[in-house]
Structure formats: structure tokens, C-alpha cells
Amino acid sequence: MDLKDQLKNLFPDHQPNEEVAQQSQQHDLWMQEEPIICKYEKRKGKPITILEGYTGAAEDFKILAKELKNKLSVGGSFKDGAIIIQGDFRNKIMDILKEKGFKVKRVGG
């Protein structure tokens, strides 16, 4: 018995709204013509991957940052219009972004 079944037992009259659940799970990101820049740096001796060059809304870029951090199981942040991912994950990030339909350009090394 999963959580949905338990909730149905507790609230038999409730009719879940399927459309709202689907909207919350899938958010359409704005696709751009210019490539997103993916570069590698070391800060305080630790490797980081930086993504910049997204021209869409900052909120969309934050959502993209959260998705990348969850898929890679790493830490990171969104600062000054750039996504900072802890570690050198350029190849994996580029593959994920290409699957989503973005153009990605690798800069450096």
C-alpha cells in the first residue's frame, strides 16, 4: 500500500487534479539560439564547473541549476547569472543539456 492508496482511504471524497500535478512536475525552459558556456575553474584548490550565457528568465536558470544538482548528486549554487557546480562534471552536464535541447559550448581544457 503506497502513499496514494493511504490518502484515498483517509479522504475518499477527494478527487485529485491531474493537470495541476503534471504542471508542477514539468516546467518548460526557454530555449535559446546562443550556446550555454560550460567552463572549468579551480577556486581555492577545488574544481568547479561554471555554466553561463543563458538569456532566459533567471527563474528558469535556477530551475535548471536545481535539476543539474539533483541529477549529478552534487552541491552548487546560482550566483550572478551563472550556475556553479562543485566538481569537474563538464561532460555529464553537457550531455544532460544536449538531451534537453540546449546548445552547449565547452570553454578551456
PDB file of N, CA and C in Angstrom:
ATOM      1  N   MET A   1       0.850  -1.177   0.000  1.00  0.00           N
ATOM      2  CA  MET A   1       0.000   0.000   0.000  1.00  0.00           C
ATOM      3  C   MET A   1       0.898   1.243   0.000  1.00  0.00           C
ATOM      4  N   ASP A   2       0.805   2.023  -1.064  1.00  0.00           N
ATOM      5  CA  ASP A   2       1.634   3.215  -1.149  1.00  0.00           C
ATOM      6  C   ASP A   2       0.891   4.433  -0.589  1.00  0.00           C
ATOM      7  N   LEU A   3       1.539   5.567  -0.659  1.00  0.00           N
ATOM      8  CA  LEU A   3       1.006   6.787  -0.060  1.00  0.00           C
ATOM      9  C   LEU A   3      -0.313   7.214  -0.701  1.00  0.00           C
ATOM     10  N   LYS A   4      -0.433   7.056  -2.016  1.00  0.00           N
ATOM     11  CA  LYS A   4      -1.676   7.439  -2.694  1.00  0.00           C
ATOM     12  C   LYS A   4      -2.863   6.611  -2.192  1.00  0.00           C
ATOM     13  N   ASP A   5      -2.636   5.321  -2.003  1.00  0.00           N
ATOM     14  CA  ASP A   5      -3.700   4.454  -1.504  1.00  0.00           C
ATOM     15  C   ASP A   5      -4.103   4.839  -0.081  1.00  0.00           C
ATOM     16  N   GLN A   6      -3.121   5.164   0.739  1.00  0.00           N
ATOM     17  CA  GLN A   6      -3.407   5.584   2.111  1.00  0.00           C
ATOM     18  C   GLN A   6      -4.206   6.883   2.129  1.00  0.00           C
ATOM     19  N   LEU A   7      -3.843   7.814   1.257  1.00  0.00           N
ATOM     20  CA  LEU A   7      -4.580   9.072   1.197  1.00  0.00           C
ATOM     21  C   LEU A   7      -6.008   8.865   0.694  1.00  0.00           C
ATOM     22  N   LYS A   8      -6.197   7.926  -0.249  1.00  0.00           N
ATOM     23  CA  LYS A   8      -7.540   7.629  -0.729  1.00  0.00           C
ATOM     24  C   LYS A   8      -8.401   7.056   0.391  1.00  0.00           C
ATOM     25  N   ASN A   9      -7.788   6.242   1.264  1.00  0.00           N
ATOM     26  CA  ASN A   9      -8.529   5.677   2.393  1.00  0.00           C
ATOM     27  C   ASN A   9      -8.920   6.766   3.389  1.00  0.00           C
ATOM     28  N   LEU A  10      -8.034   7.718   3.617  1.00  0.00           N
ATOM     29  CA  LEU A  10      -8.310   8.792   4.573  1.00  0.00           C
ATOM     30  C   LEU A  10      -9.282   9.827   4.022  1.00  0.00           C
ATOM     31  N   PHE A  11      -9.189  10.124   2.715  1.00  0.00           N
ATOM     32  CA  PHE A  11     -10.028  11.136   2.088  1.00  0.00           C
ATOM     33  C   PHE A  11     -10.715  10.552   0.856  1.00  0.00           C
ATOM     34  N   PRO A  12     -11.778   9.753   1.062  1.00  0.00           N
ATOM     35  CA  PRO A  12     -12.405   9.075  -0.078  1.00  0.00           C
ATOM     36  C   PRO A  12     -13.123  10.028  -1.038  1.00  0.00           C
ATOM     37  N   ASP A  13     -13.549  11.216  -0.582  1.00  0.00           N
ATOM     38  CA  ASP A  13     -14.287  12.141  -1.444  1.00  0.00           C
ATOM     39  C   ASP A  13     -13.383  13.023  -2.303  1.00  0.00           C
ATOM     40  N   HIS A  14     -12.104  13.046  -2.017  1.00  0.00           N
ATOM     41  CA  HIS A  14     -11.174  13.926  -2.731  1.00  0.00           C
ATOM     42  C   HIS A  14     -10.898  13.410  -4.140  1.00  0.00           C
ATOM     43  N   GLN A  15     -11.002  14.315  -5.102  1.00  0.00           N
ATOM     44  CA  GLN A  15     -10.693  13.987  -6.487  1.00  0.00           C
ATOM     45  C   GLN A  15      -9.408  14.733  -6.867  1.00  0.00           C
ATOM     46  N   PRO A  16      -8.275  14.041  -7.049  1.00  0.00           N
ATOM     47  CA  PRO A  16      -7.026  14.730  -7.379  1.00  0.00           C
ATOM     48  C   PRO A  16      -7.096  15.372  -8.760  1.00  0.00           C
ATOM     49  N   ASN A  17      -6.497  16.538  -8.872  1.00  0.00           N
ATOM     50  CA  ASN A  17      -6.467  17.253 -10.133  1.00  0.00           C
ATOM     51  C   ASN A  17      -5.195  16.861 -10.873  1.00  0.00           C
ATOM     52  N   GLU A  18      -5.317  16.052 -11.904  1.00  0.00           N
ATOM     53  CA  GLU A  18      -4.176  15.520 -12.649  1.00  0.00           C
ATOM     54  C   GLU A  18      -3.405  16.633 -13.371  1.00  0.00           C
ATOM     55  N   GLU A  19      -4.128  17.635 -13.865  1.00  0.00           N
ATOM     56  CA  GLU A  19      -3.492  18.702 -14.641  1.00  0.00           C
ATOM     57  C   GLU A  19      -2.522  19.517 -13.784  1.00  0.00           C
ATOM     58  N   VAL A  20      -2.879  19.811 -12.549  1.00  0.00           N
ATOM     59  CA  VAL A  20      -2.013  20.581 -11.659  1.00  0.00           C
ATOM     60  C   VAL A  20      -0.770  19.776 -11.308  1.00  0.00           C
ATOM     61  N   ALA A  21      -0.914  18.477 -11.103  1.00  0.00           N
ATOM     62  CA  ALA A  21       0.230  17.633 -10.767  1.00  0.00           C
ATOM     63  C   ALA A  21       1.226  17.578 -11.920  1.00  0.00           C
ATOM     64  N   GLN A  22       0.729  17.516 -13.146  1.00  0.00           N
ATOM     65  CA  GLN A  22       1.621  17.463 -14.301  1.00  0.00           C
ATOM     66  C   GLN A  22       2.342  18.784 -14.514  1.00  0.00           C
ATOM     67  N   GLN A  23       1.662  19.910 -14.263  1.00  0.00           N
ATOM     68  CA  GLN A  23       2.293  21.207 -14.437  1.00  0.00           C
ATOM     69  C   GLN A  23       3.406  21.418 -13.433  1.00  0.00           C
ATOM     70  N   SER A  24       3.223  20.956 -12.210  1.00  0.00           N
ATOM     71  CA  SER A  24       4.247  21.160 -11.200  1.00  0.00           C
ATOM     72  C   SER A  24       5.478  20.291 -11.469  1.00  0.00           C
ATOM     73  N   GLN A  25       5.300  19.157 -12.126  1.00  0.00           N
ATOM     74  CA  GLN A  25       6.425  18.274 -12.391  1.00  0.00           C
ATOM     75  C   GLN A  25       7.222  18.705 -13.609  1.00  0.00           C
ATOM     76  N   GLN A  26       6.582  19.295 -14.600  1.00  0.00           N
ATOM     77  CA  GLN A  26       7.282  19.646 -15.828  1.00  0.00           C
ATOM     78  C   GLN A  26       7.171  21.141 -16.066  1.00  0.00           C
ATOM     79  N   HIS A  27       8.321  21.792 -16.092  1.00  0.00           N
ATOM     80  CA  HIS A  27       8.385  23.224 -16.328  1.00  0.00           C
ATOM     81  C   HIS A  27       9.152  23.431 -17.627  1.00  0.00           C
ATOM     82  N   ASP A  28       8.528  24.136 -18.555  1.00  0.00           N
ATOM     83  CA  ASP A  28       9.174  24.363 -19.845  1.00  0.00           C
ATOM     84  C   ASP A  28      10.211  25.466 -19.709  1.00  0.00           C
ATOM     85  N   LEU A  29      11.444  25.144 -20.056  1.00  0.00           N
ATOM     86  CA  LEU A  29      12.522  26.119 -20.024  1.00  0.00           C
ATOM     87  C   LEU A  29      12.599  26.813 -21.374  1.00  0.00           C
ATOM     88  N   TRP A  30      13.006  28.059 -21.358  1.00  0.00           N
ATOM     89  CA  TRP A  30      13.150  28.815 -22.589  1.00  0.00           C
ATOM     90  C   TRP A  30      14.408  28.372 -23.305  1.00  0.00           C
ATOM     91  N   MET A  31      14.254  27.965 -24.579  1.00  0.00           N
ATOM     92  CA  MET A  31      15.397  27.541 -25.380  1.00  0.00           C
ATOM     93  C   MET A  31      15.951  28.753 -26.117  1.00  0.00           C
ATOM     94  N   GLN A  32      17.244  28.833 -26.218  1.00  0.00           N
ATOM     95  CA  GLN A  32      17.889  29.976 -26.841  1.00  0.00           C
ATOM     96  C   GLN A  32      18.739  29.533 -28.011  1.00  0.00           C
ATOM     97  N   GLU A  33      19.067  30.481 -28.878  1.00  0.00           N
ATOM     98  CA  GLU A  33      19.877  30.180 -30.051  1.00  0.00           C
ATOM     99  C   GLU A  33      21.359  30.099 -29.706  1.00  0.00           C
ATOM    100  N   GLU A  34      21.836  31.003 -28.839  1.00  0.00           N
ATOM    101  CA  GLU A  34      23.246  31.018 -28.467  1.00  0.00           C
ATOM    102  C   GLU A  34      23.549  29.855 -27.536  1.00  0.00           C
ATOM    103  N   PRO A  35      24.759  29.311 -27.607  1.00  0.00           N
ATOM    104  CA  PRO A  35      25.100  28.192 -26.713  1.00  0.00           C
ATOM    105  C   PRO A  35      25.354  28.648 -25.286  1.00  0.00           C
ATOM    106  N   ILE A  36      25.095  27.750 -24.348  1.00  0.00           N
ATOM    107  CA  ILE A  36      25.443  27.973 -22.954  1.00  0.00           C
ATOM    108  C   ILE A  36      26.926  27.640 -22.805  1.00  0.00           C
ATOM    109  N   ILE A  37      27.667  28.502 -22.135  1.00  0.00           N
ATOM    110  CA  ILE A  37      29.109  28.322 -21.957  1.00  0.00           C
ATOM    111  C   ILE A  37      29.350  27.427 -20.749  1.00  0.00           C
ATOM    112  N   CYS A  38      30.104  26.360 -20.939  1.00  0.00           N
ATOM    113  CA  CYS A  38      30.445  25.420 -19.867  1.00  0.00           C
ATOM    114  C   CYS A  38      31.955  25.460 -19.681  1.00  0.00           C
ATOM    115  N   LYS A  39      32.407  25.979 -18.534  1.00  0.00           N
ATOM    116  CA  LYS A  39      33.847  26.079 -18.317  1.00  0.00           C
ATOM    117  C   LYS A  39      34.245  25.522 -16.957  1.00  0.00           C
ATOM    118  N   TYR A  40      35.530  25.257 -16.846  1.00  0.00           N
ATOM    119  CA  TYR A  40      36.110  24.622 -15.665  1.00  0.00           C
ATOM    120  C   TYR A  40      37.084  25.604 -15.019  1.00  0.00           C
ATOM    121  N   GLU A  41      37.024  25.705 -13.700  1.00  0.00           N
ATOM    122  CA  GLU A  41      37.954  26.544 -12.948  1.00  0.00           C
ATOM    123  C   GLU A  41      38.317  25.846 -11.655  1.00  0.00           C
ATOM    124  N   LYS A  42      39.349  26.375 -11.032  1.00  0.00           N
ATOM    125  CA  LYS A  42      39.702  25.933  -9.682  1.00  0.00           C
ATOM    126  C   LYS A  42      39.632  27.148  -8.780  1.00  0.00           C
ATOM    127  N   ARG A  43      38.903  27.007  -7.692  1.00  0.00           N
ATOM    128  CA  ARG A  43      38.819  28.065  -6.700  1.00  0.00           C
ATOM    129  C   ARG A  43      39.237  27.488  -5.358  1.00  0.00           C
ATOM    130  N   LYS A  44      40.221  28.117  -4.769  1.00  0.00           N
ATOM    131  CA  LYS A  44      40.786  27.646  -3.501  1.00  0.00           C
ATOM    132  C   LYS A  44      41.239  26.198  -3.611  1.00  0.00           C
ATOM    133  N   GLY A  45      41.755  25.826  -4.776  1.00  0.00           N
ATOM    134  CA  GLY A  45      42.286  24.494  -4.996  1.00  0.00           C
ATOM    135  C   GLY A  45      41.251  23.433  -5.299  1.00  0.00           C
ATOM    136  N   LYS A  46      39.978  23.813  -5.339  1.00  0.00           N
ATOM    137  CA  LYS A  46      38.917  22.834  -5.594  1.00  0.00           C
ATOM    138  C   LYS A  46      38.310  23.070  -6.977  1.00  0.00           C
ATOM    139  N   PRO A  47      38.033  21.987  -7.713  1.00  0.00           N
ATOM    140  CA  PRO A  47      37.482  22.141  -9.062  1.00  0.00           C
ATOM    141  C   PRO A  47      35.998  22.511  -9.029  1.00  0.00           C
ATOM    142  N   ILE A  48      35.604  23.394  -9.948  1.00  0.00           N
ATOM    143  CA  ILE A  48      34.192  23.745 -10.128  1.00  0.00           C
ATOM    144  C   ILE A  48      33.887  23.835 -11.614  1.00  0.00           C
ATOM    145  N   THR A  49      32.630  23.627 -11.949  1.00  0.00           N
ATOM    146  CA  THR A  49      32.150  23.778 -13.312  1.00  0.00           C
ATOM    147  C   THR A  49      31.191  24.960 -13.326  1.00  0.00           C
ATOM    148  N   ILE A  50      31.384  25.872 -14.262  1.00  0.00           N
ATOM    149  CA  ILE A  50      30.559  27.078 -14.329  1.00  0.00           C
ATOM    150  C   ILE A  50      29.777  27.081 -15.641  1.00  0.00           C
ATOM    151  N   LEU A  51      28.468  27.341 -15.552  1.00  0.00           N
ATOM    152  CA  LEU A  51      27.607  27.475 -16.724  1.00  0.00           C
ATOM    153  C   LEU A  51      27.114  28.912 -16.769  1.00  0.00           C
ATOM    154  N   GLU A  52      27.313  29.565 -17.890  1.00  0.00           N
ATOM    155  CA  GLU A  52      26.832  30.941 -18.033  1.00  0.00           C
ATOM    156  C   GLU A  52      26.432  31.194 -19.473  1.00  0.00           C
ATOM    157  N   GLY A  53      25.739  32.301 -19.690  1.00  0.00           N
ATOM    158  CA  GLY A  53      25.320  32.651 -21.041  1.00  0.00           C
ATOM    159  C   GLY A  53      23.862  32.357 -21.322  1.00  0.00           C
ATOM    160  N   TYR A  54      23.062  32.043 -20.298  1.00  0.00           N
ATOM    161  CA  TYR A  54      21.635  31.789 -20.502  1.00  0.00           C
ATOM    162  C   TYR A  54      20.921  33.127 -20.570  1.00  0.00           C
ATOM    163  N   THR A  55      20.148  33.353 -21.620  1.00  0.00           N
ATOM    164  CA  THR A  55      19.498  34.642 -21.817  1.00  0.00           C
ATOM    165  C   THR A  55      18.029  34.646 -21.422  1.00  0.00           C
ATOM    166  N   GLY A  56      17.523  33.554 -20.897  1.00  0.00           N
ATOM    167  CA  GLY A  56      16.134  33.482 -20.485  1.00  0.00           C
ATOM    168  C   GLY A  56      15.935  34.072 -19.094  1.00  0.00           C
ATOM    169  N   ALA A  57      14.817  33.764 -18.485  1.00  0.00           N
ATOM    170  CA  ALA A  57      14.496  34.274 -17.157  1.00  0.00           C
ATOM    171  C   ALA A  57      15.405  33.639 -16.108  1.00  0.00           C
ATOM    172  N   ALA A  58      15.729  34.406 -15.086  1.00  0.00           N
ATOM    173  CA  ALA A  58      16.587  33.909 -14.011  1.00  0.00           C
ATOM    174  C   ALA A  58      15.918  32.752 -13.284  1.00  0.00           C
ATOM    175  N   GLU A  59      14.599  32.778 -13.188  1.00  0.00           N
ATOM    176  CA  GLU A  59      13.859  31.709 -12.517  1.00  0.00           C
ATOM    177  C   GLU A  59      14.043  30.383 -13.254  1.00  0.00           C
ATOM    178  N   ASP A  60      14.036  30.411 -14.586  1.00  0.00           N
ATOM    179  CA  ASP A  60      14.263  29.195 -15.380  1.00  0.00           C
ATOM    180  C   ASP A  60      15.670  28.658 -15.161  1.00  0.00           C
ATOM    181  N   PHE A  61      16.644  29.569 -15.070  1.00  0.00           N
ATOM    182  CA  PHE A  61      18.030  29.157 -14.869  1.00  0.00           C
ATOM    183  C   PHE A  61      18.200  28.527 -13.489  1.00  0.00           C
ATOM    184  N   LYS A  62      17.469  29.029 -12.496  1.00  0.00           N
ATOM    185  CA  LYS A  62      17.515  28.447 -11.149  1.00  0.00           C
ATOM    186  C   LYS A  62      16.931  27.037 -11.159  1.00  0.00           C
ATOM    187  N   ILE A  63      15.857  26.856 -11.897  1.00  0.00           N
ATOM    188  CA  ILE A  63      15.245  25.526 -12.008  1.00  0.00           C
ATOM    189  C   ILE A  63      16.208  24.557 -12.686  1.00  0.00           C
ATOM    190  N   LEU A  64      16.886  25.032 -13.732  1.00  0.00           N
ATOM    191  CA  LEU A  64      17.885  24.210 -14.418  1.00  0.00           C
ATOM    192  C   LEU A  64      19.029  23.841 -13.477  1.00  0.00           C
ATOM    193  N   ALA A  65      19.457  24.796 -12.660  1.00  0.00           N
ATOM    194  CA  ALA A  65      20.530  24.536 -11.690  1.00  0.00           C
ATOM    195  C   ALA A  65      20.109  23.450 -10.708  1.00  0.00           C
ATOM    196  N   LYS A  66      18.888  23.530 -10.228  1.00  0.00           N
ATOM    197  CA  LYS A  66      18.396  22.534  -9.276  1.00  0.00           C
ATOM    198  C   LYS A  66      18.334  21.148  -9.906  1.00  0.00           C
ATOM    199  N   GLU A  67      17.875  21.076 -11.166  1.00  0.00           N
ATOM    200  CA  GLU A  67      17.810  19.789 -11.864  1.00  0.00           C
ATOM    201  C   GLU A  67      19.201  19.187 -12.034  1.00  0.00           C
ATOM    202  N   LEU A  68      20.158  20.009 -12.421  1.00  0.00           N
ATOM    203  CA  LEU A  68      21.523  19.509 -12.613  1.00  0.00           C
ATOM    204  C   LEU A  68      22.114  19.005 -11.306  1.00  0.00           C
ATOM    205  N   LYS A  69      21.928  19.755 -10.236  1.00  0.00           N
ATOM    206  CA  LYS A  69      22.472  19.346  -8.942  1.00  0.00           C
ATOM    207  C   LYS A  69      21.841  18.045  -8.479  1.00  0.00           C
ATOM    208  N   ASN A  70      20.545  17.875  -8.718  1.00  0.00           N
ATOM    209  CA  ASN A  70      19.874  16.639  -8.319  1.00  0.00           C
ATOM    210  C   ASN A  70      20.342  15.452  -9.152  1.00  0.00           C
ATOM    211  N   LYS A  71      20.474  15.633 -10.470  1.00  0.00           N
ATOM    212  CA  LYS A  71      20.889  14.530 -11.334  1.00  0.00           C
ATOM    213  C   LYS A  71      22.326  14.099 -11.065  1.00  0.00           C
ATOM    214  N   LEU A  72      23.187  15.064 -10.748  1.00  0.00           N
ATOM    215  CA  LEU A  72      24.600  14.751 -10.512  1.00  0.00           C
ATOM    216  C   LEU A  72      24.891  14.433  -9.053  1.00  0.00           C
ATOM    217  N   SER A  73      23.938  14.700  -8.174  1.00  0.00           N
ATOM    218  CA  SER A  73      24.103  14.471  -6.728  1.00  0.00           C
ATOM    219  C   SER A  73      25.305  15.220  -6.170  1.00  0.00           C
ATOM    220  N   VAL A  74      25.386  16.493  -6.529  1.00  0.00           N
ATOM    221  CA  VAL A  74      26.480  17.341  -6.059  1.00  0.00           C
ATOM    222  C   VAL A  74      25.905  18.663  -5.563  1.00  0.00           C
ATOM    223  N   GLY A  75      26.753  19.433  -4.908  1.00  0.00           N
ATOM    224  CA  GLY A  75      26.358  20.751  -4.454  1.00  0.00           C
ATOM    225  C   GLY A  75      26.633  21.788  -5.520  1.00  0.00           C
ATOM    226  N   GLY A  76      26.105  22.959  -5.285  1.00  0.00           N
ATOM    227  CA  GLY A  76      26.321  24.044  -6.222  1.00  0.00           C
ATOM    228  C   GLY A  76      25.456  25.227  -5.855  1.00  0.00           C
ATOM    229  N   SER A  77      25.517  26.271  -6.669  1.00  0.00           N
ATOM    230  CA  SER A  77      24.726  27.459  -6.393  1.00  0.00           C
ATOM    231  C   SER A  77      24.432  28.208  -7.685  1.00  0.00           C
ATOM    232  N   PHE A  78      23.575  29.206  -7.564  1.00  0.00           N
ATOM    233  CA  PHE A  78      23.230  30.093  -8.665  1.00  0.00           C
ATOM    234  C   PHE A  78      23.573  31.501  -8.214  1.00  0.00           C
ATOM    235  N   LYS A  79      24.589  32.105  -8.837  1.00  0.00           N
ATOM    236  CA  LYS A  79      25.020  33.450  -8.452  1.00  0.00           C
ATOM    237  C   LYS A  79      25.345  34.266  -9.695  1.00  0.00           C
ATOM    238  N   ASP A  80      24.905  35.510  -9.704  1.00  0.00           N
ATOM    239  CA  ASP A  80      25.248  36.478 -10.755  1.00  0.00           C
ATOM    240  C   ASP A  80      25.023  35.929 -12.164  1.00  0.00           C
ATOM    241  N   GLY A  81      23.912  35.249 -12.381  1.00  0.00           N
ATOM    242  CA  GLY A  81      23.592  34.737 -13.705  1.00  0.00           C
ATOM    243  C   GLY A  81      24.420  33.560 -14.150  1.00  0.00           C
ATOM    244  N   ALA A  82      25.033  32.845 -13.206  1.00  0.00           N
ATOM    245  CA  ALA A  82      25.850  31.675 -13.538  1.00  0.00           C
ATOM    246  C   ALA A  82      25.521  30.537 -12.580  1.00  0.00           C
ATOM    247  N   ILE A  83      25.556  29.324 -13.091  1.00  0.00           N
ATOM    248  CA  ILE A  83      25.390  28.138 -12.255  1.00  0.00           C
ATOM    249  C   ILE A  83      26.780  27.633 -11.914  1.00  0.00           C
ATOM    250  N   ILE A  84      27.034  27.436 -10.624  1.00  0.00           N
ATOM    251  CA  ILE A  84      28.323  26.926 -10.163  1.00  0.00           C
ATOM    252  C   ILE A  84      28.088  25.540  -9.572  1.00  0.00           C
ATOM    253  N   ILE A  85      28.703  24.521 -10.182  1.00  0.00           N
ATOM    254  CA  ILE A  85      28.573  23.134  -9.742  1.00  0.00           C
ATOM    255  C   ILE A  85      29.909  22.700  -9.149  1.00  0.00           C
ATOM    256  N   GLN A  86      29.862  22.086  -7.989  1.00  0.00           N
ATOM    257  CA  GLN A  86      31.094  21.624  -7.351  1.00  0.00           C
ATOM    258  C   GLN A  86      31.614  20.378  -8.056  1.00  0.00           C
ATOM    259  N   GLY A  87      32.862  20.428  -8.498  1.00  0.00           N
ATOM    260  CA  GLY A  87      33.482  19.291  -9.179  1.00  0.00           C
ATOM    261  C   GLY A  87      33.574  19.512 -10.675  1.00  0.00           C
ATOM    262  N   ASP A  88      34.325  18.657 -11.339  1.00  0.00           N
ATOM    263  CA  ASP A  88      34.507  18.735 -12.785  1.00  0.00           C
ATOM    264  C   ASP A  88      33.527  17.775 -13.453  1.00  0.00           C
ATOM    265  N   PHE A  89      32.360  18.290 -13.832  1.00  0.00           N
ATOM    266  CA  PHE A  89      31.313  17.481 -14.453  1.00  0.00           C
ATOM    267  C   PHE A  89      30.951  18.020 -15.833  1.00  0.00           C
ATOM    268  N   ARG A  90      31.931  18.587 -16.545  1.00  0.00           N
ATOM    269  CA  ARG A  90      31.638  19.212 -17.837  1.00  0.00           C
ATOM    270  C   ARG A  90      30.980  18.246 -18.816  1.00  0.00           C
ATOM    271  N   ASN A  91      31.527  17.057 -18.943  1.00  0.00           N
ATOM    272  CA  ASN A  91      30.990  16.105 -19.930  1.00  0.00           C
ATOM    273  C   ASN A  91      29.566  15.680 -19.589  1.00  0.00           C
ATOM    274  N   LYS A  92      29.317  15.364 -18.321  1.00  0.00           N
ATOM    275  CA  LYS A  92      27.979  14.932 -17.915  1.00  0.00           C
ATOM    276  C   LYS A  92      26.968  16.061 -18.063  1.00  0.00           C
ATOM    277  N   ILE A  93      27.370  17.281 -17.670  1.00  0.00           N
ATOM    278  CA  ILE A  93      26.474  18.430 -17.772  1.00  0.00           C
ATOM    279  C   ILE A  93      26.151  18.717 -19.232  1.00  0.00           C
ATOM    280  N   MET A  94      27.157  18.642 -20.078  1.00  0.00           N
ATOM    281  CA  MET A  94      26.926  18.895 -21.497  1.00  0.00           C
ATOM    282  C   MET A  94      25.975  17.867 -22.099  1.00  0.00           C
ATOM    283  N   ASP A  95      26.106  16.606 -21.698  1.00  0.00           N
ATOM    284  CA  ASP A  95      25.194  15.562 -22.184  1.00  0.00           C
ATOM    285  C   ASP A  95      23.764  15.826 -21.721  1.00  0.00           C
ATOM    286  N   ILE A  96      23.594  16.208 -20.449  1.00  0.00           N
ATOM    287  CA  ILE A  96      22.262  16.474 -19.907  1.00  0.00           C
ATOM    288  C   ILE A  96      21.617  17.650 -20.630  1.00  0.00           C
ATOM    289  N   LEU A  97      22.384  18.724 -20.844  1.00  0.00           N
ATOM    290  CA  LEU A  97      21.840  19.904 -21.509  1.00  0.00           C
ATOM    291  C   LEU A  97      21.501  19.624 -22.969  1.00  0.00           C
ATOM    292  N   LYS A  98      22.314  18.809 -23.637  1.00  0.00           N
ATOM    293  CA  LYS A  98      22.021  18.461 -25.033  1.00  0.00           C
ATOM    294  C   LYS A  98      20.750  17.629 -25.132  1.00  0.00           C
ATOM    295  N   GLU A  99      20.501  16.754 -24.159  1.00  0.00           N
ATOM    296  CA  GLU A  99      19.267  15.965 -24.143  1.00  0.00           C
ATOM    297  C   GLU A  99      18.057  16.872 -23.990  1.00  0.00           C
ATOM    298  N   LYS A 100      18.214  17.961 -23.230  1.00  0.00           N
ATOM    299  CA  LYS A 100      17.114  18.903 -23.032  1.00  0.00           C
ATOM    300  C   LYS A 100      16.904  19.811 -24.249  1.00  0.00           C
ATOM    301  N   GLY A 101      17.872  19.832 -25.168  1.00  0.00           N
ATOM    302  CA  GLY A 101      17.713  20.612 -26.379  1.00  0.00           C
ATOM    303  C   GLY A 101      18.543  21.882 -26.417  1.00  0.00           C
ATOM    304  N   PHE A 102      19.409  22.106 -25.436  1.00  0.00           N
ATOM    305  CA  PHE A 102      20.262  23.284 -25.418  1.00  0.00           C
ATOM    306  C   PHE A 102      21.499  23.065 -26.271  1.00  0.00           C
ATOM    307  N   LYS A 103      22.048  24.156 -26.755  1.00  0.00           N
ATOM    308  CA  LYS A 103      23.357  24.116 -27.404  1.00  0.00           C
ATOM    309  C   LYS A 103      24.372  24.456 -26.328  1.00  0.00           C
ATOM    310  N   VAL A 104      25.453  23.696 -26.279  1.00  0.00           N
ATOM    311  CA  VAL A 104      26.466  23.888 -25.230  1.00  0.00           C
ATOM    312  C   VAL A 104      27.834  24.042 -25.871  1.00  0.00           C
ATOM    313  N   LYS A 105      28.610  24.979 -25.361  1.00  0.00           N
ATOM    314  CA  LYS A 105      29.957  25.207 -25.859  1.00  0.00           C
ATOM    315  C   LYS A 105      30.931  25.018 -24.718  1.00  0.00           C
ATOM    316  N   ARG A 106      31.915  24.153 -24.928  1.00  0.00           N
ATOM    317  CA  ARG A 106      32.929  23.887 -23.918  1.00  0.00           C
ATOM    318  C   ARG A 106      34.066  24.906 -24.069  1.00  0.00           C
ATOM    319  N   VAL A 107      34.425  25.552 -22.974  1.00  0.00           N
ATOM    320  CA  VAL A 107      35.465  26.571 -22.996  1.00  0.00           C
ATOM    321  C   VAL A 107      36.593  26.123 -22.100  1.00  0.00           C
ATOM    322  N   GLY A 108      37.834  26.189 -22.603  1.00  0.00           N
ATOM    323  CA  GLY A 108      39.009  25.801 -21.816  1.00  0.00           C
ATOM    324  C   GLY A 108      39.192  24.301 -21.771  1.00  0.00           C
ATOM    325  N   GLY A 109      40.414  23.869 -21.502  1.00  0.00           N
ATOM    326  CA  GLY A 109      40.828  22.490 -21.322  1.00  0.00           C
ATOM    327  C   GLY A 109      40.116  21.476 -22.063  1.00  0.00           C
TER     328      GLY A 109
END
